[in-house]
Amino acid sequence: MKYNTRMPKLLMKLVFLFFFLMCFTVPVYAEDEHPEGTPEVYSDYVLLVDRDNGQVLWSRNSSERMYPASMTKMMTEIIAIEALSDLYEQITITNEMMYGLYEANASMAGFLPGDEVTVQDLLYGVALPSGAECVNALAYRIDGSVQAFVDHMNRKAAELGMRNTHFVNPTGLHDQNHYSTCIDLEVLLEYCCQNDTFLEILQTKQYRTGSTASHPDGILMESTVWRFPESEQIPGLIGGKTGFTYPAGRCLASAARINGMDLVMITGKAPEDLTGAIRDASAVYHWCNDHLYRTTLLSAGDSLAYITILDAKDVDSLRITGEDTFTWDVTDTDDIQVIQEFPEVLYTPIEAGQELGKVTVTVNNELLYQKTYYTPETIPFSRIEHYKRVLREYRSEHPRLFKAELVLAGVFIVLVLSVLFRPRKKKKKRRY
């Protein structure tokens, strides 16, 4: 009886190959950068940035695509604010604006078809209760249809430099092709915070709309951020925009002013419990309040160095002053180094544009700032100043010998003068 020996050998080769790959495959770890000693957060996507200096303080998967859910409505909001100057313009809610929203389980502010609503009420309806009917009403008013408005959103995203964002709808309802990143959403929120109307709405906790047909007493709206106990306790919280779908998890785009820092934080896919994203923001902002502060490491106009200039006429030194102000957010344990590398002395001639030295700033051995300084103009060599300097140095190094030589030189000069100017004897005239 013959046995097929090829199969066991082939199987052994496959098993060996499998273990070889398992041993030598390099694991890929998700990006997760943050200062030491920070609290644990549960969101899959995190980005914390100081708006003023652009410093990234916390980053976890911040460049990876994520589903933004209702954080999308920040784009809807800012486009509407910029497009509609009359906040008291009336817009009628229609059945077309409500189409498909209830079926999609979208968040609603409470307006019904037939209600006449001001632009201002719609803006607050978008921001606070995340009302999808408010979003669609603004979309129809601005661009005539939801799809045209979505095209408007994508054009605005490209204009702002949101390179990894694509919108399919203005509400944030889930779609595989509706995505963004923490980096892009931070760019959007930072842009939005430069608008006073947006910023005022962002900070609002409660708002009552005007009277409508379905709500004669108006609708009392409450921010989806401020209604949670954790958000009430966040130090310096300005406000934020929440979001949720099951694929996106709990999301939050927020802004806070802490210890003089204007911080923007984007989180995505926190656990699905109601306060997941708020809890993460609260933990991070509390840590910032306790451990993080901004410091000025360089100031424009400050003296960096004095360089002595030798053998030059009318110039004996150069004062190097800082050209930039450089600030950074640091903790108490950070190793901060401001290194000034300039020579103490320079000899002429010195050409215009000649490198003088540089200033370097490092934090925890990471290079953060470097500036090279150059001479503003040519400084020529002076032979007279050179000889004067040589004489001074000689006198300083050999004071006794210099005195003796000075005496000898004086005697020599006197002798020379005495020879040159000694009186001549008159010749006697001969008599014949």
Protein backbone atom coordinates (compact mmCIF):
# COMPACT_ATOMS: atom_id res chain seq x y z
CA MET A 1 0.00 0.00 0.00
CA LYS A 2 1.44 3.32 -1.06
CA TYR A 3 1.12 6.53 0.94
CA ASN A 4 1.01 10.03 -0.52
CA THR A 5 3.91 11.76 1.19
CA ARG A 6 3.45 15.04 -0.71
CA MET A 7 0.46 16.30 1.36
CA PRO A 8 2.18 16.07 4.80
CA LYS A 9 5.24 17.82 3.43
CA LEU A 10 3.11 20.57 1.86
CA LEU A 11 1.14 20.93 5.08
CA MET A 12 4.33 21.23 7.10
CA LYS A 13 5.58 23.96 4.77
CA LEU A 14 2.32 25.90 5.15
CA VAL A 15 2.44 25.58 8.95
CA PHE A 16 6.06 26.74 8.98
CA LEU A 17 5.19 29.69 6.75
CA PHE A 18 2.30 30.65 9.04
CA PHE A 19 4.47 30.70 12.17
CA PHE A 20 7.22 32.54 10.31
CA LEU A 21 4.79 35.29 9.36
CA MET A 22 3.37 35.41 12.88
CA CYS A 23 6.86 35.87 14.33
CA PHE A 24 8.07 38.49 11.93
CA THR A 25 4.95 40.51 11.22
CA VAL A 26 5.38 43.97 12.72
CA PRO A 27 2.31 45.07 14.70
CA VAL A 28 0.75 48.40 13.73
CA TYR A 29 -0.30 50.52 16.67
CA ALA A 30 -2.93 53.24 16.50
CA GLU A 31 -1.65 56.76 16.84
CA ASP A 32 -2.06 57.90 20.46
CA GLU A 33 0.02 60.89 21.50
CA HIS A 34 -0.60 62.89 24.66
CA PRO A 35 1.34 64.27 27.64
CA GLU A 36 2.37 61.93 30.43
CA GLY A 37 0.00 61.49 33.33
CA THR A 38 -3.17 62.28 31.39
CA PRO A 39 -6.43 60.52 32.27
CA GLU A 40 -7.79 57.63 30.28
CA VAL A 41 -10.33 58.47 27.58
CA TYR A 42 -12.60 56.02 25.82
CA SER A 43 -13.22 57.71 22.48
CA ASP A 44 -11.58 56.00 19.50
CA TYR A 45 -10.84 59.36 17.86
CA VAL A 46 -9.40 62.33 19.78
CA LEU A 47 -7.83 65.67 18.88
CA LEU A 48 -7.09 68.51 21.30
CA VAL A 49 -5.60 71.70 19.85
CA ASP A 50 -4.71 75.15 21.18
CA ARG A 51 -6.36 77.52 18.70
CA ASP A 52 -3.93 80.38 19.32
CA ASN A 53 -0.64 78.68 18.52
CA GLY A 54 -1.86 75.58 16.68
CA GLN A 55 -0.24 73.24 19.20
CA VAL A 56 -1.58 69.69 19.10
CA LEU A 57 -1.89 68.56 22.72
CA TRP A 58 -3.63 65.23 22.22
CA SER A 59 -4.05 63.06 19.15
CA ARG A 60 -5.56 59.62 18.74
CA ASN A 61 -6.40 58.44 15.23
CA SER A 62 -6.99 62.09 14.41
CA SER A 63 -6.21 61.71 10.70
CA GLU A 64 -8.32 58.57 10.27
CA ARG A 65 -11.74 58.73 8.67
CA MET A 66 -14.66 58.67 11.07
CA TYR A 67 -18.40 59.20 10.93
CA PRO A 68 -19.10 62.72 12.24
CA ALA A 69 -22.83 62.23 12.96
CA SER A 70 -24.45 65.53 14.03
CA MET A 71 -21.10 67.32 14.28
CA THR A 72 -21.88 67.74 10.56
CA LYS A 73 -24.39 70.41 11.57
CA MET A 74 -21.54 72.82 12.41
CA MET A 75 -21.04 73.17 8.65
CA THR A 76 -24.78 73.66 8.12
CA GLU A 77 -24.80 76.31 10.83
CA ILE A 78 -21.87 78.40 9.60
CA ILE A 79 -23.04 78.34 5.95
CA ALA A 80 -26.48 79.53 7.05
CA ILE A 81 -25.06 82.30 9.25
CA GLU A 82 -22.88 83.57 6.39
CA ALA A 83 -25.62 83.29 3.77
CA LEU A 84 -28.58 84.78 5.65
CA SER A 85 -27.96 88.25 7.06
CA ASP A 86 -31.54 88.83 8.28
CA LEU A 87 -31.92 86.66 11.38
CA TYR A 88 -35.62 87.59 11.65
CA GLU A 89 -36.55 86.47 8.15
CA GLN A 90 -39.51 84.05 8.27
CA ILE A 91 -39.23 80.58 6.69
CA THR A 92 -42.23 78.28 6.40
CA ILE A 93 -41.70 74.63 7.32
CA THR A 94 -43.03 72.37 4.54
CA ASN A 95 -43.72 68.65 4.20
CA GLU A 96 -40.85 68.45 1.72
CA MET A 97 -38.44 69.68 4.41
CA MET A 98 -39.67 66.95 6.78
CA TYR A 99 -39.48 64.11 4.25
CA GLY A 100 -37.84 60.95 5.62
CA LEU A 101 -36.68 62.46 8.91
CA TYR A 102 -38.99 60.55 11.23
CA GLU A 103 -38.32 57.31 9.38
CA ALA A 104 -34.56 57.87 9.82
CA ASN A 105 -35.05 58.53 13.56
CA ALA A 106 -33.40 61.94 13.15
CA SER A 107 -33.18 64.37 16.04
CA MET A 108 -35.93 66.98 15.84
CA ALA A 109 -36.42 70.43 17.38
CA GLY A 110 -40.21 70.17 17.29
CA PHE A 111 -41.36 72.36 14.39
CA LEU A 112 -44.17 71.06 12.17
CA PRO A 113 -45.28 71.75 8.58
CA GLY A 114 -47.02 75.10 8.37
CA ASP A 115 -44.93 76.71 11.13
CA GLU A 116 -43.38 80.05 10.20
CA VAL A 117 -39.99 80.20 11.88
CA THR A 118 -37.30 82.87 11.95
CA VAL A 119 -33.80 82.17 10.71
CA GLN A 120 -32.55 82.77 14.25
CA ASP A 121 -34.93 80.16 15.69
CA LEU A 122 -33.78 77.67 13.05
CA LEU A 123 -30.12 78.34 13.88
CA TYR A 124 -30.73 77.66 17.55
CA GLY A 125 -32.79 74.62 16.56
CA VAL A 126 -29.79 73.25 14.67
CA ALA A 127 -27.27 73.92 17.43
CA LEU A 128 -29.11 73.07 20.65
CA PRO A 129 -31.52 70.14 20.10
CA SER A 130 -29.81 69.21 16.78
CA GLY A 131 -33.08 69.56 14.87
CA ALA A 132 -32.96 67.93 11.44
CA GLU A 133 -36.07 69.82 10.24
CA CYS A 134 -34.24 73.07 11.00
CA VAL A 135 -31.29 71.88 8.94
CA ASN A 136 -33.46 71.06 5.93
CA ALA A 137 -35.38 74.33 6.20
CA LEU A 138 -32.15 76.30 6.01
CA ALA A 139 -30.89 74.10 3.15
CA TYR A 140 -34.01 74.74 1.06
CA ARG A 141 -33.91 78.47 1.81
CA ILE A 142 -30.24 78.88 0.85
CA ASP A 143 -29.82 76.53 -2.12
CA GLY A 144 -33.30 75.39 -3.11
CA SER A 145 -32.80 71.72 -2.27
CA VAL A 146 -30.99 69.47 0.15
CA GLN A 147 -28.69 68.07 -2.56
CA ALA A 148 -27.68 71.55 -3.76
CA PHE A 149 -26.94 72.49 -0.17
CA VAL A 150 -24.80 69.37 0.29
CA ASP A 151 -22.78 70.42 -2.76
CA HIS A 152 -22.41 73.82 -1.08
CA MET A 153 -21.12 72.09 2.08
CA ASN A 154 -18.50 70.13 0.14
CA ARG A 155 -17.33 73.27 -1.65
CA LYS A 156 -16.98 75.04 1.70
CA ALA A 157 -15.07 72.08 3.14
CA ALA A 158 -12.60 72.25 0.24
CA GLU A 159 -12.27 76.01 0.70
CA LEU A 160 -11.38 75.51 4.38
CA GLY A 161 -8.80 72.83 3.55
CA MET A 162 -10.80 69.90 4.93
CA ARG A 163 -9.02 67.43 2.67
CA ASN A 164 -10.44 64.18 4.03
CA THR A 165 -14.12 65.10 4.37
CA HIS A 166 -17.12 64.28 2.23
CA PHE A 167 -20.71 65.17 3.06
CA VAL A 168 -23.74 63.27 1.74
CA ASN A 169 -26.38 65.07 3.80
CA PRO A 170 -26.58 68.19 6.01
CA THR A 171 -27.84 66.34 9.10
CA GLY A 172 -25.11 63.78 9.76
CA LEU A 173 -27.39 60.77 9.35
CA HIS A 174 -25.27 57.70 8.70
CA ASP A 175 -23.97 56.97 5.24
CA GLN A 176 -20.78 55.10 4.38
CA ASN A 177 -19.75 57.93 2.08
CA HIS A 178 -20.40 60.61 4.72
CA TYR A 179 -17.15 60.96 6.62
CA SER A 180 -14.58 63.35 8.07
CA THR A 181 -11.60 63.32 10.45
CA CYS A 182 -10.82 64.93 13.79
CA ILE A 183 -8.28 67.14 12.01
CA ASP A 184 -10.84 68.39 9.49
CA LEU A 185 -13.55 68.93 12.11
CA GLU A 186 -11.09 70.91 14.25
CA VAL A 187 -10.41 73.15 11.25
CA LEU A 188 -14.17 73.62 10.84
CA LEU A 189 -14.85 74.40 14.51
CA GLU A 190 -11.91 76.80 14.69
CA TYR A 191 -13.27 78.62 11.65
CA CYS A 192 -16.76 78.69 13.12
CA CYS A 193 -15.52 80.11 16.43
CA GLN A 194 -14.27 83.19 14.59
CA ASN A 195 -17.90 84.10 13.87
CA ASP A 196 -19.58 86.03 16.71
CA THR A 197 -23.07 84.72 15.95
CA PHE A 198 -21.90 81.11 15.92
CA LEU A 199 -19.95 81.64 19.13
CA GLU A 200 -22.97 83.19 20.86
CA ILE A 201 -25.17 80.24 19.87
CA LEU A 202 -22.48 77.75 20.93
CA GLN A 203 -22.44 79.20 24.46
CA THR A 204 -26.23 79.16 24.86
CA LYS A 205 -27.66 76.64 27.33
CA GLN A 206 -31.36 77.31 26.80
CA TYR A 207 -33.38 79.20 24.19
CA ARG A 208 -37.10 79.77 23.61
CA THR A 209 -38.29 80.28 20.07
CA GLY A 210 -40.99 82.66 18.94
CA SER A 211 -44.62 81.62 18.64
CA THR A 212 -45.60 79.28 15.79
CA ALA A 213 -48.86 77.71 14.67
CA SER A 214 -48.06 74.42 16.37
CA HIS A 215 -46.39 76.02 19.42
CA PRO A 216 -48.07 79.29 20.42
CA ASP A 217 -45.75 79.64 23.43
CA GLY A 218 -42.67 78.77 21.37
CA ILE A 219 -40.37 75.82 21.93
CA LEU A 220 -37.96 75.69 24.87
CA MET A 221 -34.69 74.33 23.50
CA GLU A 222 -31.89 72.95 25.63
CA SER A 223 -28.30 72.34 24.55
CA THR A 224 -27.39 68.67 24.16
CA VAL A 225 -24.05 69.54 25.77
CA TRP A 226 -25.11 71.57 28.80
CA ARG A 227 -27.89 69.25 29.95
CA PHE A 228 -25.40 66.71 31.31
CA PRO A 229 -23.89 67.12 34.82
CA GLU A 230 -20.37 66.48 33.51
CA SER A 231 -20.55 69.45 31.14
CA GLU A 232 -21.70 71.75 33.93
CA GLN A 233 -18.49 70.93 35.80
CA ILE A 234 -16.06 71.35 32.90
CA PRO A 235 -13.78 74.32 33.69
CA GLY A 236 -13.90 77.06 31.07
CA LEU A 237 -16.31 75.23 28.76
CA ILE A 238 -17.62 77.53 26.04
CA GLY A 239 -19.92 74.99 24.43
CA GLY A 240 -20.05 72.26 21.86
CA LYS A 241 -21.96 70.16 19.35
CA THR A 242 -22.77 66.55 20.14
CA GLY A 243 -23.49 63.77 17.67
CA PHE A 244 -24.64 60.17 17.73
CA THR A 245 -25.40 57.32 15.39
CA TYR A 246 -24.66 53.69 16.20
CA PRO A 247 -21.77 53.46 13.69
CA ALA A 248 -20.37 56.84 14.84
CA GLY A 249 -20.80 56.29 18.59
CA ARG A 250 -20.96 59.31 20.87
CA CYS A 251 -19.22 62.34 19.33
CA LEU A 252 -18.45 65.83 20.57
CA ALA A 253 -16.89 68.95 19.09
CA SER A 254 -16.21 71.39 21.94
CA ALA A 255 -14.36 74.55 22.85
CA ALA A 256 -13.02 75.71 26.23
CA ARG A 257 -10.95 78.58 27.57
CA ILE A 258 -8.59 77.27 30.27
CA ASN A 259 -5.59 78.98 31.87
CA GLY A 260 -5.44 81.51 29.05
CA MET A 261 -5.57 78.80 26.37
CA ASP A 262 -8.33 78.63 23.75
CA LEU A 263 -8.76 74.89 23.34
CA VAL A 264 -10.73 72.95 20.73
CA MET A 265 -11.41 69.25 21.21
CA ILE A 266 -12.91 66.75 18.78
CA THR A 267 -13.84 63.22 19.92
CA GLY A 268 -15.55 60.41 18.07
CA LYS A 269 -16.88 56.92 18.78
CA ALA A 270 -17.06 57.11 22.54
CA PRO A 271 -19.08 54.35 24.23
CA GLU A 272 -22.78 54.51 23.45
CA ASP A 273 -23.95 55.46 26.93
CA LEU A 274 -25.48 58.92 26.88
CA THR A 275 -22.60 60.81 28.54
CA GLY A 276 -19.65 58.94 26.94
CA ALA A 277 -18.25 61.85 24.89
CA ILE A 278 -19.06 64.45 27.57
CA ARG A 279 -17.26 62.35 30.18
CA ASP A 280 -14.12 62.15 28.02
CA ALA A 281 -14.14 65.91 27.44
CA SER A 282 -14.65 66.57 31.14
CA ALA A 283 -11.67 64.37 32.09
CA VAL A 284 -9.36 65.98 29.53
CA TYR A 285 -10.38 69.59 30.26
CA HIS A 286 -10.02 69.02 34.01
CA TRP A 287 -6.52 67.66 33.46
CA CYS A 288 -5.66 70.71 31.34
CA ASN A 289 -6.96 73.01 34.06
CA ASP A 290 -4.80 71.32 36.72
CA HIS A 291 -1.58 70.68 34.81
CA LEU A 292 -1.34 72.71 31.60
CA TYR A 293 -0.47 76.36 31.15
CA ARG A 294 0.80 78.61 28.41
CA THR A 295 4.20 80.23 28.73
CA THR A 296 6.04 82.75 26.57
CA LEU A 297 9.44 81.30 25.72
CA LEU A 298 10.54 84.11 23.38
CA SER A 299 9.31 87.69 23.02
CA ALA A 300 9.78 89.93 20.01
CA GLY A 301 12.10 92.82 20.88
CA ASP A 302 13.87 91.06 23.75
CA SER A 303 17.68 91.18 23.75
CA LEU A 304 19.15 87.84 22.76
CA ALA A 305 22.86 88.69 22.60
CA TYR A 306 25.46 91.47 22.46
CA ILE A 307 28.31 90.76 20.04
CA THR A 308 31.51 92.79 20.30
CA ILE A 309 32.72 94.08 16.93
CA LEU A 310 36.49 94.58 16.52
CA ASP A 311 38.39 96.80 14.09
CA ALA A 312 35.39 98.80 12.95
CA LYS A 313 34.88 102.54 12.87
CA ASP A 314 31.89 103.89 14.83
CA VAL A 315 30.62 100.36 15.63
CA ASP A 316 31.74 98.55 18.75
CA SER A 317 28.89 96.02 19.23
CA LEU A 318 25.78 94.47 17.71
CA ARG A 319 22.60 93.97 19.74
CA ILE A 320 20.56 90.98 18.59
CA THR A 321 16.85 91.29 19.37
CA GLY A 322 14.14 88.68 19.01
CA GLU A 323 12.01 88.92 15.89
CA ASP A 324 9.21 86.56 16.99
CA THR A 325 7.07 85.89 20.03
CA PHE A 326 6.86 82.16 20.67
CA THR A 327 4.43 80.66 23.19
CA TRP A 328 3.88 77.05 24.11
CA ASP A 329 1.60 75.05 26.38
CA VAL A 330 3.63 73.12 28.92
CA THR A 331 3.25 71.10 32.10
CA ASP A 332 5.20 71.42 35.34
CA THR A 333 7.37 68.43 34.43
CA ASP A 334 8.37 69.51 30.92
CA ASP A 335 12.09 70.08 30.24
CA ILE A 336 12.21 73.47 28.49
CA GLN A 337 15.43 74.64 26.83
CA VAL A 338 15.93 78.04 25.15
CA ILE A 339 19.39 77.91 23.56
CA GLN A 340 21.04 81.07 22.20
CA GLU A 341 24.07 80.36 20.01
CA PHE A 342 25.88 83.60 19.17
CA PRO A 343 29.62 84.44 19.16
CA GLU A 344 30.92 86.87 21.77
CA VAL A 345 33.26 88.61 19.29
CA LEU A 346 33.32 89.20 15.53
CA TYR A 347 36.21 90.66 13.49
CA THR A 348 35.66 92.94 10.55
CA PRO A 349 35.09 92.95 7.68
CA ILE A 350 31.55 91.56 8.14
CA GLU A 351 29.44 91.17 5.04
CA ALA A 352 25.73 91.97 4.92
CA GLY A 353 23.71 88.76 5.27
CA GLN A 354 26.48 86.94 7.12
CA GLU A 355 25.11 84.40 9.60
CA LEU A 356 25.45 85.59 13.19
CA GLY A 357 23.86 82.74 15.13
CA LYS A 358 20.54 81.17 16.03
CA VAL A 359 17.98 80.67 18.77
CA THR A 360 16.53 77.21 19.40
CA VAL A 361 13.66 76.14 21.63
CA THR A 362 13.18 72.51 22.68
CA VAL A 363 10.69 70.90 25.03
CA ASN A 364 11.52 67.39 26.23
CA ASN A 365 14.29 67.30 23.59
CA GLU A 366 11.80 67.97 20.79
CA LEU A 367 12.71 70.84 18.49
CA LEU A 368 9.85 73.35 18.47
CA TYR A 369 11.38 76.56 17.17
CA GLN A 370 14.58 77.69 15.49
CA LYS A 371 15.50 81.08 14.08
CA THR A 372 18.76 82.09 12.37
CA TYR A 373 19.91 85.71 12.49
CA TYR A 374 22.04 87.56 9.91
CA THR A 375 23.93 90.86 9.80
CA PRO A 376 21.71 93.62 8.42
CA GLU A 377 24.53 95.52 6.65
CA THR A 378 28.23 95.41 5.81
CA ILE A 379 30.68 96.54 8.50
CA PRO A 380 34.07 97.42 6.87
CA PHE A 381 37.55 96.93 8.30
CA SER A 382 39.35 99.99 9.73
CA ARG A 383 43.16 99.84 9.75
CA ILE A 384 43.46 102.69 12.24
CA GLU A 385 41.05 101.00 14.65
CA HIS A 386 42.99 97.78 14.17
CA TYR A 387 46.31 99.40 15.19
CA LYS A 388 44.66 101.14 18.13
CA ARG A 389 43.27 97.83 19.32
CA VAL A 390 46.63 96.07 18.95
CA LEU A 391 48.29 98.81 20.96
CA ARG A 392 45.68 98.61 23.70
CA GLU A 393 46.01 94.85 23.91
CA TYR A 394 49.80 95.06 24.09
CA ARG A 395 49.62 97.62 26.86
CA SER A 396 47.14 95.47 28.76
CA GLU A 397 49.22 92.30 28.43
CA HIS A 398 52.65 93.89 29.14
CA PRO A 399 52.08 96.95 31.32
CA ARG A 400 55.67 97.20 32.75
CA LEU A 401 57.39 96.54 29.48
CA PHE A 402 55.05 98.97 27.82
CA LYS A 403 55.99 101.67 30.34
CA ALA A 404 59.71 101.01 29.82
CA GLU A 405 59.27 101.09 26.08
CA LEU A 406 57.27 104.24 26.40
CA VAL A 407 60.08 105.86 28.41
CA LEU A 408 62.67 104.72 25.90
CA ALA A 409 60.50 105.97 23.08
CA GLY A 410 60.21 109.30 24.86
CA VAL A 411 63.97 109.53 25.36
CA PHE A 412 64.51 108.62 21.75
CA ILE A 413 62.09 111.28 20.59
CA VAL A 414 63.76 113.88 22.81
CA LEU A 415 67.18 112.97 21.43
CA VAL A 416 65.95 113.17 17.89
CA LEU A 417 64.36 116.51 18.54
CA SER A 418 67.46 117.79 20.28
CA VAL A 419 69.56 116.85 17.30
CA LEU A 420 67.21 118.38 14.85
CA PHE A 421 66.73 121.59 16.71
CA ARG A 422 70.10 122.12 18.52
CA PRO A 423 71.53 125.64 17.98
CA ARG A 424 74.26 126.04 15.37
CA LYS A 425 77.57 127.82 16.22
CA LYS A 426 78.19 131.02 14.31
CA LYS A 427 81.33 131.07 12.16
CA LYS A 428 83.86 133.83 12.97
CA LYS A 429 84.62 136.19 10.15
CA ARG A 430 88.27 136.44 9.16
CA ARG A 431 89.87 139.79 9.06
CA TYR A 432 92.23 140.70 6.33
